[in-house]
């Protein structure tokens, strides 16, 4: 898995870490069931603090892309390669709604109102 961060990117580092891993999953570099390198190894490769990597990994776990298993490390969740595109579109939708002045609650109500 080849990961790199863009030093010119203004997003928080943990979001960049999550984005780089999300991209690797979407492009098939990391397949469902595959184990990721340790947070310490990722932090060295990406030249960021290990806590930054852990925060990015937790965000991906919360999005359903990764699974944390004691003794097995962090693995790519089953079906993660299919969900990654959807999750990115959802993040973009939430971002667009916020830019237009809608809260998440209002956005959820809009979605519930769809046929």
Protein backbone atom coordinates (compact mmCIF):
# COMPACT_ATOMS: atom_id res chain seq x y z
CA UNK A 1 0.00 0.00 0.00
CA UNK A 2 1.53 3.26 -1.15
CA UNK A 3 0.26 6.20 0.88
CA UNK A 4 1.25 9.83 0.62
CA UNK A 5 -0.06 13.06 2.08
CA UNK A 6 -0.10 16.35 0.20
CA UNK A 7 1.72 18.87 2.41
CA UNK A 8 -0.17 21.68 0.64
CA UNK A 9 -3.56 20.25 1.65
CA UNK A 10 -5.20 22.44 4.27
CA UNK A 11 -7.42 19.72 5.74
CA UNK A 12 -6.50 18.37 9.19
CA UNK A 13 -3.88 15.64 9.02
CA UNK A 14 -6.16 12.92 10.42
CA UNK A 15 -8.64 13.61 7.60
CA UNK A 16 -5.83 13.36 5.07
CA UNK A 17 -4.71 10.04 6.57
CA UNK A 18 -8.28 8.72 6.41
CA UNK A 19 -8.62 9.98 2.84
CA UNK A 20 -5.39 8.29 1.73
CA UNK A 21 -6.51 4.96 3.19
CA UNK A 22 -10.04 5.39 1.81
CA UNK A 23 -8.53 6.00 -1.63
CA UNK A 24 -6.32 2.88 -1.32
CA UNK A 25 -9.42 0.81 -0.50
CA UNK A 26 -11.45 2.34 -3.34
CA UNK A 27 -8.64 1.68 -5.83
CA UNK A 28 -8.25 -1.94 -4.73
CA UNK A 29 -4.84 -1.58 -3.10
CA UNK A 30 -6.38 -2.85 0.16
CA UNK A 31 -8.93 -5.60 -0.23
CA UNK A 32 -11.67 -6.64 2.22
CA UNK A 33 -10.22 -8.86 4.94
CA UNK A 34 -6.70 -7.57 4.36
CA UNK A 35 -4.73 -6.38 7.36
CA UNK A 36 -3.35 -2.84 7.37
CA UNK A 37 0.14 -1.99 8.57
CA UNK A 38 0.33 -0.97 12.23
CA UNK A 39 -0.47 2.61 13.20
CA UNK A 40 3.18 3.06 14.16
CA UNK A 41 4.36 1.88 10.72
CA UNK A 42 1.82 4.11 8.97
CA UNK A 43 2.89 7.09 11.08
CA UNK A 44 6.51 6.59 10.03
CA UNK A 45 5.64 6.21 6.35
CA UNK A 46 3.38 9.28 6.39
CA UNK A 47 5.67 11.28 8.69
CA UNK A 48 2.88 12.15 11.14
CA UNK A 49 2.24 11.42 14.81
CA UNK A 50 0.87 7.96 15.61
CA UNK A 51 -2.14 9.56 17.36
CA UNK A 52 -2.99 11.35 14.12
CA UNK A 53 -2.98 8.01 12.30
CA UNK A 54 -5.11 6.41 15.01
CA UNK A 55 -7.65 9.23 14.75
CA UNK A 56 -7.88 8.70 10.98
CA UNK A 57 -8.23 4.93 11.44
CA UNK A 58 -11.00 5.40 14.00
CA UNK A 59 -12.89 7.66 11.59
CA UNK A 60 -12.71 4.94 8.94
CA UNK A 61 -13.85 2.36 11.49
CA UNK A 62 -16.81 4.60 12.35
CA UNK A 63 -17.62 4.83 8.62
CA UNK A 64 -17.65 1.02 8.44
CA UNK A 65 -14.55 0.73 6.25
CA UNK A 66 -12.23 -0.82 8.83
CA UNK A 67 -12.56 -3.36 11.62
CA UNK A 68 -10.43 -3.34 14.76
CA UNK A 69 -9.84 -6.82 16.14
CA UNK A 70 -7.80 -7.57 19.22
CA UNK A 71 -4.90 -9.79 18.20
CA UNK A 72 -5.60 -9.34 14.47
CA UNK A 73 -4.99 -5.64 14.13
CA UNK A 74 -6.88 -3.41 11.73
CA UNK A 75 -8.46 -5.04 8.70
CA UNK A 76 -10.47 -3.75 5.76
CA UNK A 77 -14.17 -4.47 6.36
CA UNK A 78 -16.08 -6.76 4.04
CA UNK A 79 -17.74 -4.71 1.32
CA UNK A 80 -15.62 -1.66 2.18
CA UNK A 81 -14.55 -1.33 -1.42
CA UNK A 82 -18.20 -0.78 -2.37
CA UNK A 83 -19.03 1.56 0.51
CA UNK A 84 -16.11 3.91 0.06
CA UNK A 85 -17.63 5.72 -2.92
CA UNK A 86 -20.95 6.13 -1.16
CA UNK A 87 -19.32 7.42 2.02
CA UNK A 88 -17.39 10.01 0.02
CA UNK A 89 -20.61 11.18 -1.67
CA UNK A 90 -22.36 11.41 1.71
CA UNK A 91 -19.50 13.52 3.10
CA UNK A 92 -19.74 15.78 0.05
CA UNK A 93 -23.51 16.09 0.49
CA UNK A 94 -23.17 17.03 4.16
CA UNK A 95 -20.48 19.54 3.25
CA UNK A 96 -22.62 21.07 0.47
CA UNK A 97 -25.63 21.28 2.78
CA UNK A 98 -23.59 23.06 5.45
CA UNK A 99 -22.24 25.49 2.87
CA UNK A 100 -25.83 26.28 1.87
CA UNK A 101 -26.87 26.80 5.50
CA UNK A 102 -28.64 23.50 6.20
CA UNK A 103 -27.99 21.60 9.40
CA UNK A 104 -27.44 17.84 9.45
CA UNK A 105 -30.87 17.47 11.04
CA UNK A 106 -32.49 19.40 8.18
CA UNK A 107 -30.56 17.32 5.65
CA UNK A 108 -31.72 14.09 7.31
CA UNK A 109 -35.32 15.33 7.20
CA UNK A 110 -34.92 16.08 3.49
CA UNK A 111 -33.66 12.54 2.90
CA UNK A 112 -36.50 11.04 4.95
CA UNK A 113 -38.96 12.99 2.81
CA UNK A 114 -37.71 11.36 -0.39
CA UNK A 115 -39.93 8.69 -1.99
